Amino acid sequence: KINLNPFQPSPAKPDSPPPPRRTF
């Protein structure tokens, strides 16, 4: 399925882990 709406972000792949949260 191709997303034709440029303002709607494509759903993330189910196997992609979320980016690590940086703490200070």
PDB file of all heavy atoms in Angstrom:
ATOM      1  N   LYS A   1       0.834  -1.188   0.000  1.00  0.00           N
ATOM      2  CA  LYS A   1       0.000   0.000   0.000  1.00  0.00           C
ATOM      3  C   LYS A   1       0.875   1.246   0.000  1.00  0.00           C
ATOM      4  O   LYS A   1       1.751   1.396   0.819  1.00  0.00           O
ATOM      5  CB  LYS A   1      -0.912   0.008   1.220  1.00  0.00           C
ATOM      6  CG  LYS A   1      -1.903   1.158   1.207  1.00  0.00           C
ATOM      7  CD  LYS A   1      -2.826   1.067   2.402  1.00  0.00           C
ATOM      8  CE  LYS A   1      -3.825   2.222   2.397  1.00  0.00           C
ATOM      9  NZ  LYS A   1      -4.712   2.158   3.572  1.00  0.00           N
ATOM     10  N   ILE A   2       0.627   2.133  -0.997  1.00  0.00           N
ATOM     11  CA  ILE A   2       1.423   3.361  -1.151  1.00  0.00           C
ATOM     12  C   ILE A   2       0.654   4.527  -0.554  1.00  0.00           C
ATOM     13  O   ILE A   2      -0.526   4.719  -0.854  1.00  0.00           O
ATOM     14  CB  ILE A   2       1.741   3.625  -2.639  1.00  0.00           C
ATOM     15  CG1 ILE A   2       2.522   2.441  -3.231  1.00  0.00           C
ATOM     16  CG2 ILE A   2       2.512   4.912  -2.797  1.00  0.00           C
ATOM     17  CD1 ILE A   2       2.796   2.576  -4.711  1.00  0.00           C
ATOM     18  N   ASN A   3       1.320   5.340   0.285  1.00  0.00           N
ATOM     19  CA  ASN A   3       0.714   6.502   0.900  1.00  0.00           C
ATOM     20  C   ASN A   3       0.806   7.667  -0.084  1.00  0.00           C
ATOM     21  O   ASN A   3       1.884   8.147  -0.424  1.00  0.00           O
ATOM     22  CB  ASN A   3       1.447   6.854   2.195  1.00  0.00           C
ATOM     23  CG  ASN A   3       0.803   8.029   2.907  1.00  0.00           C
ATOM     24  OD1 ASN A   3      -0.296   8.437   2.552  1.00  0.00           O
ATOM     25  ND2 ASN A   3       1.491   8.532   3.935  1.00  0.00           N
ATOM     26  N   LEU A   4      -0.349   8.151  -0.560  1.00  0.00           N
ATOM     27  CA  LEU A   4      -0.400   9.244  -1.528  1.00  0.00           C
ATOM     28  C   LEU A   4      -0.588  10.596  -0.856  1.00  0.00           C
ATOM     29  O   LEU A   4      -0.567  11.616  -1.529  1.00  0.00           O
ATOM     30  CB  LEU A   4      -1.543   9.001  -2.540  1.00  0.00           C
ATOM     31  CG  LEU A   4      -1.421   7.728  -3.368  1.00  0.00           C
ATOM     32  CD1 LEU A   4      -2.609   7.600  -4.290  1.00  0.00           C
ATOM     33  CD2 LEU A   4      -0.123   7.721  -4.164  1.00  0.00           C
ATOM     34  N   ASN A   5      -0.809  10.655   0.424  1.00  0.00           N
ATOM     35  CA  ASN A   5      -0.999  11.913   1.148  1.00  0.00           C
ATOM     36  C   ASN A   5       0.358  12.374   1.694  1.00  0.00           C
ATOM     37  O   ASN A   5       0.923  11.733   2.575  1.00  0.00           O
ATOM     38  CB  ASN A   5      -1.982  11.718   2.296  1.00  0.00           C
ATOM     39  CG  ASN A   5      -2.339  13.049   2.965  1.00  0.00           C
ATOM     40  OD1 ASN A   5      -1.766  14.083   2.645  1.00  0.00           O
ATOM     41  ND2 ASN A   5      -3.276  12.991   3.898  1.00  0.00           N
ATOM     42  N   PRO A   6       0.897  13.481   1.160  1.00  0.00           N
ATOM     43  CA  PRO A   6       2.245  13.900   1.630  1.00  0.00           C
ATOM     44  C   PRO A   6       2.252  14.406   3.053  1.00  0.00           C
ATOM     45  O   PRO A   6       3.301  14.533   3.656  1.00  0.00           O
ATOM     46  CB  PRO A   6       2.622  15.021   0.649  1.00  0.00           C
ATOM     47  CG  PRO A   6       1.319  15.580   0.196  1.00  0.00           C
ATOM     48  CD  PRO A   6       0.366  14.393   0.152  1.00  0.00           C
ATOM     49  N   PHE A   7       1.077  14.792   3.588  1.00  0.00           N
ATOM     50  CA  PHE A   7       1.017  15.333   4.952  1.00  0.00           C
ATOM     51  C   PHE A   7       0.788  14.254   6.001  1.00  0.00           C
ATOM     52  O   PHE A   7       0.737  14.540   7.172  1.00  0.00           O
ATOM     53  CB  PHE A   7      -0.097  16.386   5.047  1.00  0.00           C
ATOM     54  CG  PHE A   7       0.116  17.544   4.118  1.00  0.00           C
ATOM     55  CD1 PHE A   7      -0.578  17.628   2.926  1.00  0.00           C
ATOM     56  CD2 PHE A   7       1.040  18.540   4.428  1.00  0.00           C
ATOM     57  CE1 PHE A   7      -0.367  18.673   2.063  1.00  0.00           C
ATOM     58  CE2 PHE A   7       1.246  19.599   3.571  1.00  0.00           C
ATOM     59  CZ  PHE A   7       0.551  19.676   2.375  1.00  0.00           C
ATOM     60  N   GLN A   8       0.544  13.052   5.568  1.00  0.00           N
ATOM     61  CA  GLN A   8       0.314  11.957   6.514  1.00  0.00           C
ATOM     62  C   GLN A   8       1.549  11.069   6.530  1.00  0.00           C
ATOM     63  O   GLN A   8       1.936  10.527   5.490  1.00  0.00           O
ATOM     64  CB  GLN A   8      -0.919  11.147   6.095  1.00  0.00           C
ATOM     65  CG  GLN A   8      -1.203   9.979   7.061  1.00  0.00           C
ATOM     66  CD  GLN A   8      -2.447   9.221   6.630  1.00  0.00           C
ATOM     67  OE1 GLN A   8      -3.087   9.574   5.641  1.00  0.00           O
ATOM     68  NE2 GLN A   8      -2.769   8.174   7.355  1.00  0.00           N
ATOM     69  N   PRO A   9       2.208  10.988   7.665  1.00  0.00           N
ATOM     70  CA  PRO A   9       3.425  10.167   7.705  1.00  0.00           C
ATOM     71  C   PRO A   9       3.110   8.697   7.489  1.00  0.00           C
ATOM     72  O   PRO A   9       2.048   8.203   7.825  1.00  0.00           O
ATOM     73  CB  PRO A   9       3.976  10.439   9.112  1.00  0.00           C
ATOM     74  CG  PRO A   9       2.791  10.818   9.918  1.00  0.00           C
ATOM     75  CD  PRO A   9       1.866  11.538   8.981  1.00  0.00           C
ATOM     76  N   SER A  10       4.067   8.054   6.878  1.00  0.00           N
ATOM     77  CA  SER A  10       3.908   6.619   6.640  1.00  0.00           C
ATOM     78  C   SER A  10       4.034   5.876   7.943  1.00  0.00           C
ATOM     79  O   SER A  10       4.802   6.261   8.821  1.00  0.00           O
ATOM     80  CB  SER A  10       4.985   6.138   5.648  1.00  0.00           C
ATOM     81  OG  SER A  10       4.874   6.839   4.422  1.00  0.00           O
ATOM     82  N   PRO A  11       3.260   4.843   8.146  1.00  0.00           N
ATOM     83  CA  PRO A  11       3.351   4.072   9.407  1.00  0.00           C
ATOM     84  C   PRO A  11       4.713   3.424   9.538  1.00  0.00           C
ATOM     85  O   PRO A  11       5.327   3.017   8.548  1.00  0.00           O
ATOM     86  CB  PRO A  11       2.222   3.046   9.267  1.00  0.00           C
ATOM     87  CG  PRO A  11       2.012   2.921   7.799  1.00  0.00           C
ATOM     88  CD  PRO A  11       2.277   4.260   7.203  1.00  0.00           C
ATOM     89  N   ALA A  12       5.192   3.419  10.732  1.00  0.00           N
ATOM     90  CA  ALA A  12       6.494   2.805  10.994  1.00  0.00           C
ATOM     91  C   ALA A  12       6.415   1.307  10.797  1.00  0.00           C
ATOM     92  O   ALA A  12       5.368   0.687  11.009  1.00  0.00           O
ATOM     93  CB  ALA A  12       6.954   3.138  12.417  1.00  0.00           C
ATOM     94  N   LYS A  13       7.522   0.762  10.381  1.00  0.00           N
ATOM     95  CA  LYS A  13       7.569  -0.681  10.224  1.00  0.00           C
ATOM     96  C   LYS A  13       7.454  -1.351  11.574  1.00  0.00           C
ATOM     97  O   LYS A  13       8.026  -0.887  12.541  1.00  0.00           O
ATOM     98  CB  LYS A  13       8.870  -1.079   9.537  1.00  0.00           C
ATOM     99  CG  LYS A  13       8.993  -0.523   8.111  1.00  0.00           C
ATOM    100  CD  LYS A  13      10.301  -0.960   7.494  1.00  0.00           C
ATOM    101  CE  LYS A  13      10.429  -0.402   6.070  1.00  0.00           C
ATOM    102  NZ  LYS A  13      11.707  -0.831   5.425  1.00  0.00           N
ATOM    103  N   PRO A  14       6.720  -2.425  11.631  1.00  0.00           N
ATOM    104  CA  PRO A  14       6.516  -3.082  12.944  1.00  0.00           C
ATOM    105  C   PRO A  14       7.810  -3.588  13.549  1.00  0.00           C
ATOM    106  O   PRO A  14       7.924  -3.731  14.745  1.00  0.00           O
ATOM    107  CB  PRO A  14       5.536  -4.195  12.627  1.00  0.00           C
ATOM    108  CG  PRO A  14       5.677  -4.430  11.158  1.00  0.00           C
ATOM    109  CD  PRO A  14       6.009  -3.106  10.543  1.00  0.00           C
ATOM    110  N   ASP A  15       8.791  -3.883  12.696  1.00  0.00           N
ATOM    111  CA  ASP A  15      10.020  -4.445  13.247  1.00  0.00           C
ATOM    112  C   ASP A  15      11.079  -3.386  13.531  1.00  0.00           C
ATOM    113  O   ASP A  15      12.199  -3.713  13.868  1.00  0.00           O
ATOM    114  CB  ASP A  15      10.595  -5.487  12.285  1.00  0.00           C
ATOM    115  CG  ASP A  15      10.816  -4.893  10.884  1.00  0.00           C
ATOM    116  OD1 ASP A  15      10.277  -3.800  10.635  1.00  0.00           O
ATOM    117  OD2 ASP A  15      11.519  -5.524  10.069  1.00  0.00           O
ATOM    118  N   SER A  16      10.734  -2.067  13.349  1.00  0.00           N
ATOM    119  CA  SER A  16      11.718  -1.010  13.606  1.00  0.00           C
ATOM    120  C   SER A  16      11.637  -0.598  15.067  1.00  0.00           C
ATOM    121  O   SER A  16      10.583  -0.136  15.521  1.00  0.00           O
ATOM    122  CB  SER A  16      11.448   0.207  12.721  1.00  0.00           C
ATOM    123  OG  SER A  16      11.553  -0.163  11.365  1.00  0.00           O
ATOM    124  N   PRO A  17      12.712  -0.727  15.837  1.00  0.00           N
ATOM    125  CA  PRO A  17      12.673  -0.323  17.257  1.00  0.00           C
ATOM    126  C   PRO A  17      12.635   1.192  17.369  1.00  0.00           C
ATOM    127  O   PRO A  17      13.161   1.902  16.525  1.00  0.00           O
ATOM    128  CB  PRO A  17      13.976  -0.893  17.820  1.00  0.00           C
ATOM    129  CG  PRO A  17      14.908  -0.948  16.648  1.00  0.00           C
ATOM    130  CD  PRO A  17      14.043  -1.274  15.444  1.00  0.00           C
ATOM    131  N   PRO A  18      11.980   1.757  18.362  1.00  0.00           N
ATOM    132  CA  PRO A  18      11.943   3.218  18.544  1.00  0.00           C
ATOM    133  C   PRO A  18      13.336   3.747  18.851  1.00  0.00           C
ATOM    134  O   PRO A  18      14.167   3.032  19.425  1.00  0.00           O
ATOM    135  CB  PRO A  18      10.998   3.401  19.742  1.00  0.00           C
ATOM    136  CG  PRO A  18      11.089   2.112  20.478  1.00  0.00           C
ATOM    137  CD  PRO A  18      11.290   1.035  19.435  1.00  0.00           C
ATOM    138  N   PRO A  19      13.616   4.996  18.427  1.00  0.00           N
ATOM    139  CA  PRO A  19      14.956   5.559  18.707  1.00  0.00           C
ATOM    140  C   PRO A  19      15.186   5.698  20.204  1.00  0.00           C
ATOM    141  O   PRO A  19      14.258   5.967  20.965  1.00  0.00           O
ATOM    142  CB  PRO A  19      14.904   6.933  18.042  1.00  0.00           C
ATOM    143  CG  PRO A  19      13.454   7.259  17.939  1.00  0.00           C
ATOM    144  CD  PRO A  19      12.745   5.957  17.758  1.00  0.00           C
ATOM    145  N   PRO A  20      16.414   5.472  20.632  1.00  0.00           N
ATOM    146  CA  PRO A  20      16.686   5.553  22.086  1.00  0.00           C
ATOM    147  C   PRO A  20      16.482   6.976  22.591  1.00  0.00           C
ATOM    148  O   PRO A  20      16.785   7.941  21.909  1.00  0.00           O
ATOM    149  CB  PRO A  20      18.154   5.123  22.190  1.00  0.00           C
ATOM    150  CG  PRO A  20      18.735   5.412  20.842  1.00  0.00           C
ATOM    151  CD  PRO A  20      17.620   5.163  19.859  1.00  0.00           C
ATOM    152  N   ARG A  21      15.938   7.083  23.761  1.00  0.00           N
ATOM    153  CA  ARG A  21      15.704   8.381  24.393  1.00  0.00           C
ATOM    154  C   ARG A  21      16.960   8.834  25.112  1.00  0.00           C
ATOM    155  O   ARG A  21      17.494   8.121  25.947  1.00  0.00           O
ATOM    156  CB  ARG A  21      14.547   8.287  25.374  1.00  0.00           C
ATOM    157  CG  ARG A  21      14.170   9.628  25.993  1.00  0.00           C
ATOM    158  CD  ARG A  21      12.958   9.463  26.883  1.00  0.00           C
ATOM    159  NE  ARG A  21      12.579  10.726  27.465  1.00  0.00           N
ATOM    160  CZ  ARG A  21      11.557  10.874  28.321  1.00  0.00           C
ATOM    161  NH1 ARG A  21      10.835   9.818  28.658  1.00  0.00           N
ATOM    162  NH2 ARG A  21      11.287  12.061  28.803  1.00  0.00           N
ATOM    163  N   ARG A  22      17.404  10.074  24.732  1.00  0.00           N
ATOM    164  CA  ARG A  22      18.648  10.584  25.306  1.00  0.00           C
ATOM    165  C   ARG A  22      18.353  11.310  26.603  1.00  0.00           C
ATOM    166  O   ARG A  22      17.455  12.132  26.668  1.00  0.00           O
ATOM    167  CB  ARG A  22      19.329  11.550  24.331  1.00  0.00           C
ATOM    168  CG  ARG A  22      20.735  11.935  24.761  1.00  0.00           C
ATOM    169  CD  ARG A  22      21.383  12.774  23.687  1.00  0.00           C
ATOM    170  NE  ARG A  22      22.737  13.132  24.065  1.00  0.00           N
ATOM    171  CZ  ARG A  22      23.536  13.887  23.341  1.00  0.00           C
ATOM    172  NH1 ARG A  22      23.113  14.378  22.178  1.00  0.00           N
ATOM    173  NH2 ARG A  22      24.765  14.170  23.762  1.00  0.00           N
ATOM    174  N   THR A  23      19.096  10.990  27.610  1.00  0.00           N
ATOM    175  CA  THR A  23      18.935  11.641  28.922  1.00  0.00           C
ATOM    176  C   THR A  23      20.217  12.406  29.245  1.00  0.00           C
ATOM    177  O   THR A  23      21.309  12.070  28.769  1.00  0.00           O
ATOM    178  CB  THR A  23      18.648  10.613  30.022  1.00  0.00           C
ATOM    179  OG1 THR A  23      19.738   9.681  30.087  1.00  0.00           O
ATOM    180  CG2 THR A  23      17.351   9.864  29.739  1.00  0.00           C
ATOM    181  N   PHE A  24      20.074  13.465  30.043  1.00  0.00           N
ATOM    182  CA  PHE A  24      21.204  14.307  30.424  1.00  0.00           C
ATOM    183  C   PHE A  24      21.307  14.335  31.941  1.00  0.00           C
ATOM    184  O   PHE A  24      20.294  14.375  32.643  1.00  0.00           O
ATOM    185  CB  PHE A  24      21.027  15.738  29.886  1.00  0.00           C
ATOM    186  CG  PHE A  24      20.892  15.796  28.387  1.00  0.00           C
ATOM    187  CD1 PHE A  24      19.633  15.869  27.795  1.00  0.00           C
ATOM    188  CD2 PHE A  24      22.014  15.771  27.583  1.00  0.00           C
ATOM    189  CE1 PHE A  24      19.513  15.914  26.431  1.00  0.00           C
ATOM    190  CE2 PHE A  24      21.892  15.827  26.215  1.00  0.00           C
ATOM    191  CZ  PHE A  24      20.638  15.889  25.634  1.00  0.00           C
TER     192      PHE A  24
END
